[in-house]
Amino acid sequence: MRLLNVENLNLKDANVLYYPTFFSENEANTYFKNLYSKLKWQQDKIKVFGKTYDQPRLTAFFGTNNQPYSYSNITMFPQEFKGDILEIKNAIETELNIYFTSCLANLYRNGKDSNGWHADDEKELGKNPIIASLTFGEERVFHLKHKHDKTLKKKIVLKHGSLLLMQGSTQENWLHQIPKTTRKIGPRINLTFRIIPQKNRVPSNSVLS
């Protein structure tokens, strides 16, 4: 087990923990370099108000089963966990005592790449999904806002090698985004680990025994 600092964001109607140094700088540097050069990144199209655009980031999707993942009219089919991304998966599962079936990887190439306001509440993820979000590379600002109480907002800088864990009723009650920035910045890789139960099967307890 790692000796980790953890911060509770203490958000109403949510359960969000932040590990600023989940991976050491050397580990994070190595993972960033390997993931950036070796993953099969793809450019998808999204439809907004009837118009089709390039999604403002590149993506890759991984899974332990054949369950696809759909969002924003995009359906992704999983690649196999292997190499560095499997090593990372094993590390967070050991520390968090949670088994993840899937990972959506995002490559933000520069400050123009972004992710608008949304919640990770797709039906494939079930009720009260657990999302473990890792950052490698450039730091980016992460915004949260409550869906119903407009006075409740939070901003946090996601650091190189950090992990943000969102669980409980977070996705039901909060939206989040990675906004664009005019600053000249380098690329950021975000790995969001999720649990997508096998269809036609009663979901097992995702917490490791």
N, C-alpha and C. Protein backbone atom coordinates (compact mmCIF):
# COMPACT_ATOMS: atom_id res chain seq x y z
N MET A 1 0.84 -1.20 0.00
CA MET A 1 0.00 0.00 0.00
C MET A 1 0.88 1.26 0.00
N ARG A 2 0.39 2.29 -0.65
CA ARG A 2 1.12 3.55 -0.73
C ARG A 2 0.79 4.44 0.47
N LEU A 3 1.75 5.26 0.86
CA LEU A 3 1.50 6.25 1.90
C LEU A 3 1.02 7.51 1.20
N LEU A 4 -0.29 7.75 1.24
CA LEU A 4 -0.88 8.80 0.43
C LEU A 4 -1.55 9.88 1.26
N ASN A 5 -1.41 11.12 0.77
CA ASN A 5 -2.21 12.21 1.31
C ASN A 5 -3.56 12.17 0.61
N VAL A 6 -4.62 12.43 1.35
CA VAL A 6 -5.95 12.47 0.76
C VAL A 6 -6.72 13.64 1.33
N GLU A 7 -7.43 14.34 0.43
CA GLU A 7 -8.23 15.49 0.82
C GLU A 7 -9.70 15.21 0.52
N ASN A 8 -10.56 15.43 1.49
CA ASN A 8 -12.00 15.33 1.28
C ASN A 8 -12.51 16.71 0.86
N LEU A 9 -13.14 16.79 -0.31
CA LEU A 9 -13.62 18.09 -0.78
C LEU A 9 -14.84 18.58 -0.02
N ASN A 10 -15.44 17.70 0.80
CA ASN A 10 -16.57 18.08 1.66
C ASN A 10 -17.68 18.79 0.90
N LEU A 11 -18.11 18.18 -0.21
CA LEU A 11 -19.18 18.73 -1.02
C LEU A 11 -20.54 18.19 -0.54
N LYS A 12 -21.53 19.06 -0.52
CA LYS A 12 -22.88 18.64 -0.15
C LYS A 12 -23.42 17.66 -1.19
N ASP A 13 -24.12 16.65 -0.75
CA ASP A 13 -24.76 15.66 -1.63
C ASP A 13 -23.74 14.95 -2.52
N ALA A 14 -22.54 14.74 -2.01
CA ALA A 14 -21.49 14.12 -2.82
C ALA A 14 -20.45 13.47 -1.92
N ASN A 15 -19.60 12.67 -2.55
CA ASN A 15 -18.47 12.05 -1.86
C ASN A 15 -17.29 12.11 -2.81
N VAL A 16 -16.43 13.10 -2.64
CA VAL A 16 -15.30 13.32 -3.54
C VAL A 16 -14.01 13.42 -2.74
N LEU A 17 -13.06 12.56 -3.08
CA LEU A 17 -11.75 12.54 -2.44
C LEU A 17 -10.68 12.86 -3.48
N TYR A 18 -9.64 13.59 -3.04
CA TYR A 18 -8.55 13.97 -3.94
C TYR A 18 -7.22 13.51 -3.37
N TYR A 19 -6.48 12.74 -4.17
CA TYR A 19 -5.14 12.27 -3.82
C TYR A 19 -4.14 13.02 -4.69
N PRO A 20 -3.51 14.09 -4.19
CA PRO A 20 -2.67 14.94 -5.04
C PRO A 20 -1.39 14.27 -5.53
N THR A 21 -0.91 13.27 -4.82
CA THR A 21 0.35 12.60 -5.20
C THR A 21 0.15 11.08 -5.20
N PHE A 22 -0.88 10.61 -5.90
CA PHE A 22 -1.12 9.17 -5.93
C PHE A 22 0.07 8.45 -6.54
N PHE A 23 0.59 8.99 -7.64
CA PHE A 23 1.82 8.46 -8.23
C PHE A 23 2.94 9.48 -8.03
N SER A 24 4.16 8.96 -7.84
CA SER A 24 5.31 9.84 -7.69
C SER A 24 5.58 10.56 -9.02
N GLU A 25 6.38 11.60 -8.98
CA GLU A 25 6.69 12.34 -10.20
C GLU A 25 7.36 11.45 -11.24
N ASN A 26 8.28 10.59 -10.80
CA ASN A 26 8.96 9.70 -11.75
C ASN A 26 7.98 8.70 -12.37
N GLU A 27 7.10 8.14 -11.54
CA GLU A 27 6.09 7.22 -12.06
C GLU A 27 5.18 7.93 -13.06
N ALA A 28 4.71 9.12 -12.68
CA ALA A 28 3.79 9.87 -13.53
C ALA A 28 4.45 10.26 -14.85
N ASN A 29 5.73 10.65 -14.81
CA ASN A 29 6.45 11.00 -16.03
C ASN A 29 6.52 9.81 -16.99
N THR A 30 6.84 8.64 -16.44
CA THR A 30 6.95 7.43 -17.26
C THR A 30 5.61 7.04 -17.86
N TYR A 31 4.56 7.06 -17.04
CA TYR A 31 3.24 6.69 -17.54
C TYR A 31 2.76 7.66 -18.61
N PHE A 32 2.99 8.95 -18.39
CA PHE A 32 2.57 9.93 -19.39
C PHE A 32 3.26 9.67 -20.73
N LYS A 33 4.55 9.49 -20.70
CA LYS A 33 5.32 9.27 -21.94
C LYS A 33 4.82 8.03 -22.67
N ASN A 34 4.61 6.94 -21.94
CA ASN A 34 4.21 5.68 -22.57
C ASN A 34 2.77 5.73 -23.08
N LEU A 35 1.86 6.28 -22.28
CA LEU A 35 0.46 6.35 -22.71
C LEU A 35 0.30 7.28 -23.91
N TYR A 36 1.01 8.38 -23.90
CA TYR A 36 0.92 9.35 -24.99
C TYR A 36 1.35 8.74 -26.32
N SER A 37 2.41 7.94 -26.29
CA SER A 37 2.98 7.41 -27.53
C SER A 37 2.40 6.06 -27.94
N LYS A 38 1.85 5.29 -26.99
CA LYS A 38 1.49 3.91 -27.30
C LYS A 38 -0.02 3.64 -27.40
N LEU A 39 -0.85 4.45 -26.77
CA LEU A 39 -2.28 4.19 -26.85
C LEU A 39 -2.81 4.50 -28.25
N LYS A 40 -3.84 3.77 -28.65
CA LYS A 40 -4.47 3.98 -29.96
C LYS A 40 -5.55 5.05 -29.81
N TRP A 41 -5.10 6.31 -29.84
CA TRP A 41 -6.02 7.43 -29.66
C TRP A 41 -6.89 7.60 -30.90
N GLN A 42 -8.16 7.99 -30.70
CA GLN A 42 -9.07 8.19 -31.82
C GLN A 42 -9.79 9.52 -31.70
N GLN A 43 -10.18 10.05 -32.85
CA GLN A 43 -10.93 11.30 -32.91
C GLN A 43 -12.38 10.98 -33.26
N ASP A 44 -13.31 11.24 -32.35
CA ASP A 44 -14.72 10.96 -32.59
C ASP A 44 -15.45 12.24 -32.96
N LYS A 45 -16.64 12.05 -33.50
CA LYS A 45 -17.52 13.17 -33.83
C LYS A 45 -18.63 13.26 -32.80
N ILE A 46 -19.02 14.46 -32.45
CA ILE A 46 -20.15 14.67 -31.55
C ILE A 46 -21.18 15.57 -32.24
N LYS A 47 -22.44 15.39 -31.86
CA LYS A 47 -23.50 16.19 -32.46
C LYS A 47 -24.05 17.13 -31.40
N VAL A 48 -24.05 18.42 -31.72
CA VAL A 48 -24.55 19.46 -30.82
C VAL A 48 -25.56 20.31 -31.56
N PHE A 49 -26.80 20.31 -31.07
CA PHE A 49 -27.88 21.07 -31.70
C PHE A 49 -27.98 20.78 -33.19
N GLY A 50 -27.86 19.51 -33.53
CA GLY A 50 -28.03 19.08 -34.92
C GLY A 50 -26.81 19.22 -35.80
N LYS A 51 -25.73 19.81 -35.27
CA LYS A 51 -24.51 19.97 -36.05
C LYS A 51 -23.43 19.02 -35.53
N THR A 52 -22.59 18.53 -36.43
CA THR A 52 -21.56 17.56 -36.08
C THR A 52 -20.19 18.24 -36.03
N TYR A 53 -19.46 17.96 -34.95
CA TYR A 53 -18.14 18.55 -34.75
C TYR A 53 -17.14 17.47 -34.33
N ASP A 54 -15.85 17.77 -34.52
CA ASP A 54 -14.82 16.92 -33.92
C ASP A 54 -14.86 17.08 -32.41
N GLN A 55 -14.84 15.98 -31.69
CA GLN A 55 -14.78 16.05 -30.24
C GLN A 55 -13.48 16.76 -29.84
N PRO A 56 -13.53 17.71 -28.89
CA PRO A 56 -12.34 18.52 -28.58
C PRO A 56 -11.35 17.79 -27.66
N ARG A 57 -11.01 16.57 -27.99
CA ARG A 57 -10.00 15.77 -27.33
C ARG A 57 -9.96 14.42 -28.04
N LEU A 58 -8.91 13.66 -27.80
CA LEU A 58 -8.81 12.31 -28.34
C LEU A 58 -9.13 11.31 -27.23
N THR A 59 -9.60 10.12 -27.61
CA THR A 59 -10.03 9.16 -26.61
C THR A 59 -9.57 7.74 -26.96
N ALA A 60 -9.62 6.88 -25.94
CA ALA A 60 -9.44 5.44 -26.09
C ALA A 60 -10.23 4.79 -24.96
N PHE A 61 -10.73 3.58 -25.20
CA PHE A 61 -11.58 2.92 -24.21
C PHE A 61 -11.09 1.49 -23.99
N PHE A 62 -11.08 1.08 -22.70
CA PHE A 62 -10.57 -0.23 -22.31
C PHE A 62 -11.58 -0.92 -21.41
N GLY A 63 -11.61 -2.27 -21.48
CA GLY A 63 -12.54 -3.00 -20.64
C GLY A 63 -12.10 -4.42 -20.39
N THR A 64 -12.59 -4.97 -19.29
CA THR A 64 -12.32 -6.37 -18.95
C THR A 64 -13.35 -7.30 -19.56
N ASN A 65 -14.43 -6.72 -20.09
CA ASN A 65 -15.46 -7.51 -20.77
C ASN A 65 -15.76 -6.82 -22.10
N ASN A 66 -16.77 -7.27 -22.79
CA ASN A 66 -17.09 -6.71 -24.10
C ASN A 66 -18.16 -5.63 -24.04
N GLN A 67 -18.40 -5.08 -22.84
CA GLN A 67 -19.46 -4.09 -22.69
C GLN A 67 -19.05 -2.75 -23.30
N PRO A 68 -19.83 -2.24 -24.25
CA PRO A 68 -19.54 -0.92 -24.82
C PRO A 68 -19.91 0.19 -23.85
N TYR A 69 -19.49 1.41 -24.17
CA TYR A 69 -19.82 2.57 -23.35
C TYR A 69 -20.30 3.67 -24.28
N SER A 70 -21.44 4.26 -23.96
CA SER A 70 -22.04 5.28 -24.83
C SER A 70 -22.21 6.60 -24.09
N TYR A 71 -21.87 7.69 -24.76
CA TYR A 71 -22.09 9.03 -24.24
C TYR A 71 -22.07 10.00 -25.42
N SER A 72 -22.87 11.06 -25.34
CA SER A 72 -22.91 12.10 -26.38
C SER A 72 -23.06 11.52 -27.78
N ASN A 73 -23.93 10.52 -27.91
CA ASN A 73 -24.17 9.85 -29.19
C ASN A 73 -22.94 9.13 -29.75
N ILE A 74 -21.97 8.82 -28.88
CA ILE A 74 -20.79 8.06 -29.26
C ILE A 74 -20.86 6.72 -28.54
N THR A 75 -20.61 5.63 -29.25
CA THR A 75 -20.51 4.31 -28.63
C THR A 75 -19.11 3.78 -28.85
N MET A 76 -18.42 3.45 -27.75
CA MET A 76 -17.05 2.97 -27.82
C MET A 76 -17.00 1.51 -27.40
N PHE A 77 -16.18 0.73 -28.11
CA PHE A 77 -16.00 -0.69 -27.79
C PHE A 77 -14.60 -0.90 -27.22
N PRO A 78 -14.49 -1.71 -26.17
CA PRO A 78 -13.25 -1.73 -25.39
C PRO A 78 -12.07 -2.44 -26.07
N GLN A 79 -10.89 -1.86 -25.83
CA GLN A 79 -9.64 -2.54 -26.09
C GLN A 79 -9.26 -3.32 -24.82
N GLU A 80 -8.30 -4.20 -24.95
CA GLU A 80 -7.87 -5.03 -23.82
C GLU A 80 -6.95 -4.23 -22.90
N PHE A 81 -7.12 -4.40 -21.59
CA PHE A 81 -6.17 -3.86 -20.63
C PHE A 81 -4.85 -4.61 -20.74
N LYS A 82 -3.77 -3.88 -20.97
CA LYS A 82 -2.45 -4.50 -20.99
C LYS A 82 -1.40 -3.41 -20.84
N GLY A 83 -0.18 -3.82 -20.54
CA GLY A 83 0.91 -2.87 -20.43
C GLY A 83 0.72 -1.88 -19.31
N ASP A 84 1.04 -0.63 -19.58
CA ASP A 84 1.02 0.40 -18.55
C ASP A 84 -0.38 0.64 -17.99
N ILE A 85 -1.40 0.61 -18.85
CA ILE A 85 -2.74 0.91 -18.34
C ILE A 85 -3.25 -0.20 -17.42
N LEU A 86 -2.82 -1.43 -17.67
CA LEU A 86 -3.15 -2.53 -16.76
C LEU A 86 -2.40 -2.36 -15.44
N GLU A 87 -1.15 -1.94 -15.52
CA GLU A 87 -0.35 -1.70 -14.31
C GLU A 87 -0.98 -0.60 -13.46
N ILE A 88 -1.44 0.45 -14.11
CA ILE A 88 -2.11 1.54 -13.39
C ILE A 88 -3.41 1.05 -12.76
N LYS A 89 -4.18 0.29 -13.51
CA LYS A 89 -5.44 -0.27 -13.00
C LYS A 89 -5.19 -1.10 -11.75
N ASN A 90 -4.19 -1.95 -11.78
CA ASN A 90 -3.88 -2.79 -10.63
C ASN A 90 -3.48 -1.95 -9.42
N ALA A 91 -2.75 -0.87 -9.66
CA ALA A 91 -2.29 -0.01 -8.57
C ALA A 91 -3.45 0.69 -7.87
N ILE A 92 -4.40 1.23 -8.64
CA ILE A 92 -5.50 1.94 -7.99
C ILE A 92 -6.47 0.96 -7.34
N GLU A 93 -6.64 -0.23 -7.92
CA GLU A 93 -7.51 -1.22 -7.30
C GLU A 93 -6.95 -1.70 -5.97
N THR A 94 -5.64 -1.87 -5.91
CA THR A 94 -5.00 -2.29 -4.66
C THR A 94 -5.18 -1.23 -3.58
N GLU A 95 -5.01 0.03 -3.95
CA GLU A 95 -5.08 1.12 -2.97
C GLU A 95 -6.52 1.41 -2.55
N LEU A 96 -7.44 1.44 -3.50
CA LEU A 96 -8.82 1.82 -3.21
C LEU A 96 -9.69 0.64 -2.79
N ASN A 97 -9.20 -0.57 -3.03
CA ASN A 97 -9.98 -1.79 -2.73
C ASN A 97 -11.29 -1.81 -3.52
N ILE A 98 -11.20 -1.38 -4.78
CA ILE A 98 -12.34 -1.35 -5.69
C ILE A 98 -11.90 -1.98 -7.01
N TYR A 99 -12.76 -2.82 -7.59
CA TYR A 99 -12.45 -3.45 -8.87
C TYR A 99 -13.16 -2.69 -9.99
N PHE A 100 -12.38 -2.22 -10.96
CA PHE A 100 -12.92 -1.48 -12.10
C PHE A 100 -12.93 -2.35 -13.35
N THR A 101 -14.00 -2.25 -14.11
CA THR A 101 -14.11 -3.05 -15.34
C THR A 101 -13.68 -2.29 -16.58
N SER A 102 -13.67 -0.95 -16.51
CA SER A 102 -13.51 -0.15 -17.72
C SER A 102 -12.70 1.11 -17.45
N CYS A 103 -12.16 1.67 -18.53
CA CYS A 103 -11.43 2.94 -18.42
C CYS A 103 -11.61 3.73 -19.71
N LEU A 104 -12.09 4.96 -19.57
CA LEU A 104 -12.13 5.90 -20.69
C LEU A 104 -10.93 6.82 -20.56
N ALA A 105 -10.05 6.78 -21.55
CA ALA A 105 -8.85 7.62 -21.56
C ALA A 105 -9.11 8.83 -22.45
N ASN A 106 -8.70 10.01 -21.98
CA ASN A 106 -8.85 11.25 -22.73
C ASN A 106 -7.50 11.92 -22.88
N LEU A 107 -7.21 12.38 -24.08
CA LEU A 107 -5.99 13.14 -24.34
C LEU A 107 -6.37 14.57 -24.70
N TYR A 108 -6.05 15.50 -23.80
CA TYR A 108 -6.25 16.92 -24.04
C TYR A 108 -4.94 17.45 -24.63
N ARG A 109 -4.93 17.75 -25.92
CA ARG A 109 -3.68 18.05 -26.62
C ARG A 109 -3.11 19.42 -26.26
N ASN A 110 -3.99 20.35 -25.94
CA ASN A 110 -3.58 21.71 -25.58
C ASN A 110 -4.75 22.38 -24.87
N GLY A 111 -4.63 23.68 -24.63
CA GLY A 111 -5.67 24.39 -23.90
C GLY A 111 -6.99 24.51 -24.64
N LYS A 112 -6.98 24.28 -25.96
CA LYS A 112 -8.22 24.34 -26.73
C LYS A 112 -9.07 23.09 -26.54
N ASP A 113 -8.45 21.99 -26.14
CA ASP A 113 -9.21 20.77 -25.87
C ASP A 113 -9.89 20.90 -24.52
N SER A 114 -11.10 20.35 -24.41
CA SER A 114 -11.89 20.58 -23.21
C SER A 114 -12.94 19.48 -23.06
N ASN A 115 -13.71 19.59 -21.99
CA ASN A 115 -14.84 18.69 -21.73
C ASN A 115 -15.91 19.54 -21.04
N GLY A 116 -17.05 19.73 -21.69
CA GLY A 116 -18.08 20.63 -21.17
C GLY A 116 -18.80 20.08 -19.96
N TRP A 117 -19.71 20.88 -19.42
CA TRP A 117 -20.46 20.48 -18.23
C TRP A 117 -21.21 19.18 -18.48
N HIS A 118 -21.04 18.22 -17.57
CA HIS A 118 -21.72 16.93 -17.68
C HIS A 118 -21.62 16.19 -16.35
N ALA A 119 -22.38 15.11 -16.25
CA ALA A 119 -22.24 14.16 -15.14
C ALA A 119 -22.01 12.78 -15.75
N ASP A 120 -21.22 11.98 -15.08
CA ASP A 120 -20.99 10.61 -15.53
C ASP A 120 -22.12 9.72 -15.00
N ASP A 121 -23.29 9.91 -15.58
CA ASP A 121 -24.49 9.23 -15.07
C ASP A 121 -25.16 8.39 -16.15
N GLU A 122 -24.38 7.92 -17.14
CA GLU A 122 -24.94 7.07 -18.18
C GLU A 122 -25.52 5.79 -17.58
N LYS A 123 -26.55 5.28 -18.22
CA LYS A 123 -27.27 4.12 -17.66
C LYS A 123 -26.36 2.91 -17.50
N GLU A 124 -25.33 2.78 -18.36
CA GLU A 124 -24.43 1.63 -18.25
C GLU A 124 -23.72 1.58 -16.90
N LEU A 125 -23.57 2.74 -16.26
CA LEU A 125 -22.80 2.83 -15.02
C LEU A 125 -23.63 2.51 -13.78
N GLY A 126 -24.95 2.43 -13.93
CA GLY A 126 -25.80 2.12 -12.79
C GLY A 126 -25.97 3.30 -11.84
N LYS A 127 -26.61 3.03 -10.71
CA LYS A 127 -26.87 4.08 -9.72
C LYS A 127 -25.63 4.32 -8.86
N ASN A 128 -25.37 5.57 -8.54
CA ASN A 128 -24.23 5.97 -7.70
C ASN A 128 -22.91 5.37 -8.21
N PRO A 129 -22.54 5.69 -9.46
CA PRO A 129 -21.31 5.13 -10.01
C PRO A 129 -20.06 5.64 -9.30
N ILE A 130 -19.03 4.83 -9.33
CA ILE A 130 -17.72 5.19 -8.80
C ILE A 130 -16.82 5.54 -9.97
N ILE A 131 -16.22 6.74 -9.94
CA ILE A 131 -15.33 7.19 -11.00
C ILE A 131 -13.99 7.55 -10.36
N ALA A 132 -12.92 6.89 -10.81
CA ALA A 132 -11.57 7.20 -10.35
C ALA A 132 -10.83 7.87 -11.50
N SER A 133 -10.50 9.14 -11.35
CA SER A 133 -9.97 9.95 -12.44
C SER A 133 -8.50 10.32 -12.17
N LEU A 134 -7.61 9.83 -13.04
CA LEU A 134 -6.17 10.07 -12.91
C LEU A 134 -5.71 11.12 -13.90
N THR A 135 -4.75 11.94 -13.50
CA THR A 135 -4.17 12.96 -14.36
C THR A 135 -2.68 12.71 -14.54
N PHE A 136 -2.26 12.72 -15.81
CA PHE A 136 -0.83 12.68 -16.16
C PHE A 136 -0.55 13.81 -17.14
N GLY A 137 0.53 14.55 -16.90
CA GLY A 137 0.87 15.63 -17.81
C GLY A 137 0.48 16.99 -17.26
N GLU A 138 0.05 17.87 -18.15
CA GLU A 138 -0.24 19.26 -17.78
C GLU A 138 -1.36 19.34 -16.73
N GLU A 139 -1.19 20.21 -15.76
CA GLU A 139 -2.25 20.47 -14.80
C GLU A 139 -3.40 21.18 -15.49
N ARG A 140 -4.63 20.82 -15.13
CA ARG A 140 -5.80 21.51 -15.65
C ARG A 140 -6.76 21.81 -14.51
N VAL A 141 -7.52 22.89 -14.67
CA VAL A 141 -8.52 23.27 -13.69
C VAL A 141 -9.76 22.40 -13.88
N PHE A 142 -10.31 21.90 -12.78
CA PHE A 142 -11.49 21.04 -12.78
C PHE A 142 -12.58 21.77 -12.03
N HIS A 143 -13.71 22.03 -12.69
CA HIS A 143 -14.83 22.74 -12.08
C HIS A 143 -15.95 21.78 -11.70
N LEU A 144 -16.58 22.01 -10.58
CA LEU A 144 -17.78 21.30 -10.17
C LEU A 144 -18.86 22.31 -9.81
N LYS A 145 -20.12 21.97 -10.13
CA LYS A 145 -21.23 22.81 -9.68
C LYS A 145 -22.43 21.92 -9.38
N HIS A 146 -23.18 22.30 -8.35
CA HIS A 146 -24.35 21.54 -7.93
C HIS A 146 -25.46 21.70 -8.97
N LYS A 147 -26.19 20.63 -9.22
CA LYS A 147 -27.25 20.68 -10.23
C LYS A 147 -28.44 21.53 -9.81
N HIS A 148 -28.68 21.63 -8.51
CA HIS A 148 -29.90 22.26 -8.03
C HIS A 148 -29.64 23.54 -7.22
N ASP A 149 -28.51 23.62 -6.55
CA ASP A 149 -28.17 24.79 -5.75
C ASP A 149 -27.05 25.55 -6.45
N LYS A 150 -27.39 26.62 -7.16
CA LYS A 150 -26.43 27.34 -7.98
C LYS A 150 -25.36 28.07 -7.17
N THR A 151 -25.54 28.12 -5.85
CA THR A 151 -24.52 28.77 -5.01
C THR A 151 -23.36 27.83 -4.69
N LEU A 152 -23.55 26.53 -4.95
CA LEU A 152 -22.53 25.54 -4.60
C LEU A 152 -21.64 25.25 -5.80
N LYS A 153 -20.38 25.69 -5.71
CA LYS A 153 -19.40 25.50 -6.77
C LYS A 153 -18.05 25.13 -6.14
N LYS A 154 -17.21 24.49 -6.94
CA LYS A 154 -15.88 24.12 -6.46
C LYS A 154 -14.92 24.10 -7.64
N LYS A 155 -13.70 24.56 -7.39
CA LYS A 155 -12.66 24.54 -8.41
C LYS A 155 -11.40 23.93 -7.80
N ILE A 156 -10.79 23.02 -8.53
CA ILE A 156 -9.58 22.37 -8.05
C ILE A 156 -8.62 22.16 -9.22
N VAL A 157 -7.34 22.31 -8.97
CA VAL A 157 -6.32 22.06 -10.00
C VAL A 157 -5.88 20.61 -9.88
N LEU A 158 -6.08 19.84 -10.95
CA LEU A 158 -5.71 18.43 -10.96
C LEU A 158 -4.24 18.30 -11.37
N LYS A 159 -3.42 17.83 -10.44
CA LYS A 159 -1.98 17.81 -10.64
C LYS A 159 -1.50 16.54 -11.33
N HIS A 160 -0.32 16.62 -11.89
CA HIS A 160 0.38 15.50 -12.52
C HIS A 160 0.55 14.37 -11.51
N GLY A 161 -0.01 13.19 -11.83
CA GLY A 161 0.09 12.04 -10.92
C GLY A 161 -1.00 11.96 -9.88
N SER A 162 -2.02 12.83 -9.97
CA SER A 162 -3.08 12.87 -8.95
C SER A 162 -4.24 11.96 -9.33
N LEU A 163 -5.08 11.69 -8.31
CA LEU A 163 -6.29 10.90 -8.52
C LEU A 163 -7.45 11.59 -7.83
N LEU A 164 -8.57 11.70 -8.53
CA LEU A 164 -9.81 12.25 -7.98
C LEU A 164 -10.84 11.13 -7.96
N LEU A 165 -11.37 10.82 -6.79
CA LEU A 165 -12.33 9.73 -6.64
C LEU A 165 -13.71 10.31 -6.36
N MET A 166 -14.65 10.07 -7.29
CA MET A 166 -16.03 10.54 -7.14
C MET A 166 -16.93 9.32 -6.95
N GLN A 167 -17.72 9.33 -5.89
CA GLN A 167 -18.56 8.17 -5.60
C GLN A 167 -19.84 8.62 -4.89
N GLY A 168 -20.63 7.64 -4.43
CA GLY A 168 -21.89 7.99 -3.77
C GLY A 168 -22.83 8.71 -4.73
N SER A 169 -23.49 9.76 -4.25
CA SER A 169 -24.49 10.48 -5.06
C SER A 169 -23.89 11.65 -5.84
N THR A 170 -22.57 11.66 -6.03
CA THR A 170 -21.90 12.78 -6.70
C THR A 170 -22.48 13.03 -8.09
N GLN A 171 -22.58 11.99 -8.92
CA GLN A 171 -23.03 12.17 -10.30
C GLN A 171 -24.51 12.54 -10.37
N GLU A 172 -25.27 12.15 -9.37
CA GLU A 172 -26.69 12.48 -9.32
C GLU A 172 -26.91 13.96 -9.04
N ASN A 173 -25.99 14.57 -8.28
CA ASN A 173 -26.22 15.93 -7.78
C ASN A 173 -25.26 16.99 -8.31
N TRP A 174 -24.18 16.58 -8.97
CA TRP A 174 -23.17 17.54 -9.39
C TRP A 174 -22.80 17.35 -10.86
N LEU A 175 -22.44 18.47 -11.51
CA LEU A 175 -21.86 18.48 -12.84
C LEU A 175 -20.38 18.86 -12.73
N HIS A 176 -19.59 18.46 -13.73
CA HIS A 176 -18.18 18.84 -13.72
C HIS A 176 -17.71 19.11 -15.15
N GLN A 177 -16.59 19.82 -15.27
CA GLN A 177 -16.03 20.13 -16.59
C GLN A 177 -14.54 20.41 -16.50
N ILE A 178 -13.87 20.28 -17.65
CA ILE A 178 -12.51 20.77 -17.86
C ILE A 178 -12.63 21.89 -18.90
N PRO A 179 -12.58 23.16 -18.51
CA PRO A 179 -12.81 24.25 -19.46
C PRO A 179 -11.59 24.50 -20.36
N LYS A 180 -11.85 25.17 -21.47
CA LYS A 180 -10.76 25.61 -22.34
C LYS A 180 -9.94 26.67 -21.61
N THR A 181 -8.71 26.85 -22.07
CA THR A 181 -7.88 27.93 -21.53
C THR A 181 -7.07 28.55 -22.66
N THR A 182 -6.83 29.84 -22.57
CA THR A 182 -6.04 30.53 -23.59
C THR A 182 -4.54 30.43 -23.31
N ARG A 183 -4.19 29.89 -22.14
CA ARG A 183 -2.77 29.72 -21.83
C ARG A 183 -2.13 28.70 -22.76
N LYS A 184 -0.88 28.89 -23.09
CA LYS A 184 -0.14 27.92 -23.88
C LYS A 184 0.33 26.81 -22.95
N ILE A 185 -0.30 25.66 -23.05
CA ILE A 185 0.01 24.56 -22.16
C ILE A 185 0.22 23.28 -22.97
N GLY A 186 0.85 22.32 -22.34
CA GLY A 186 1.12 21.05 -22.97
C GLY A 186 -0.03 20.08 -22.81
N PRO A 187 0.14 18.85 -23.31
CA PRO A 187 -0.94 17.86 -23.26
C PRO A 187 -1.17 17.28 -21.87
N ARG A 188 -2.40 16.83 -21.66
CA ARG A 188 -2.80 16.16 -20.43
C ARG A 188 -3.52 14.86 -20.78
N ILE A 189 -3.17 13.79 -20.09
CA ILE A 189 -3.87 12.52 -20.23
C ILE A 189 -4.70 12.28 -18.98
N ASN A 190 -5.97 11.95 -19.17
CA ASN A 190 -6.90 11.68 -18.08
C ASN A 190 -7.43 10.26 -18.25
N LEU A 191 -7.25 9.44 -17.24
CA LEU A 191 -7.78 8.07 -17.23
C LEU A 191 -8.93 8.02 -16.24
N THR A 192 -10.15 7.74 -16.72
CA THR A 192 -11.30 7.66 -15.84
C THR A 192 -11.77 6.21 -15.75
N PHE A 193 -11.48 5.61 -14.61
CA PHE A 193 -11.84 4.20 -14.39
C PHE A 193 -13.27 4.11 -13.88
N ARG A 194 -14.01 3.12 -14.41
CA ARG A 194 -15.44 2.98 -14.12
C ARG A 194 -15.78 1.51 -13.91
N ILE A 195 -17.04 1.27 -13.51
CA ILE A 195 -17.56 -0.08 -13.34
C ILE A 195 -18.78 -0.22 -14.24
N ILE A 196 -18.68 -1.05 -15.27
CA ILE A 196 -19.81 -1.33 -16.15
C ILE A 196 -20.16 -2.81 -15.99
N PRO A 197 -21.25 -3.12 -15.31
CA PRO A 197 -21.60 -4.52 -15.07
C PRO A 197 -21.87 -5.26 -16.38
N GLN A 198 -21.57 -6.56 -16.37
CA GLN A 198 -21.89 -7.41 -17.51
C GLN A 198 -23.40 -7.50 -17.66
N LYS A 199 -23.90 -7.33 -18.89
CA LYS A 199 -25.34 -7.42 -19.12
C LYS A 199 -25.83 -8.84 -18.88
N ASN A 200 -27.11 -8.91 -18.47
CA ASN A 200 -27.75 -10.19 -18.21
C ASN A 200 -27.10 -10.94 -17.05
N ARG A 201 -26.46 -10.18 -16.18
CA ARG A 201 -25.83 -10.80 -15.02
C ARG A 201 -26.05 -9.88 -13.83
N VAL A 202 -26.38 -10.47 -12.68
CA VAL A 202 -26.56 -9.67 -11.48
C VAL A 202 -25.21 -9.09 -11.08
N PRO A 203 -25.05 -7.73 -10.99
CA PRO A 203 -23.77 -7.15 -10.65
C PRO A 203 -23.26 -7.66 -9.30
N SER A 204 -21.99 -8.02 -9.26
CA SER A 204 -21.38 -8.43 -7.99
C SER A 204 -20.87 -7.21 -7.26
N ASN A 205 -20.54 -7.37 -6.00
CA ASN A 205 -20.00 -6.27 -5.21
C ASN A 205 -18.67 -5.84 -5.81
N SER A 206 -18.55 -4.56 -6.15
CA SER A 206 -17.35 -4.09 -6.82
C SER A 206 -16.19 -3.85 -5.86
N VAL A 207 -16.47 -3.93 -4.56
CA VAL A 207 -15.40 -3.76 -3.58
C VAL A 207 -14.66 -5.09 -3.42
N LEU A 208 -13.34 -5.01 -3.53
CA LEU A 208 -12.54 -6.22 -3.44
C LEU A 208 -12.52 -6.74 -2.02
N SER A 209 -12.53 -8.04 -1.87
CA SER A 209 -12.46 -8.64 -0.54
C SER A 209 -11.03 -8.95 -0.18
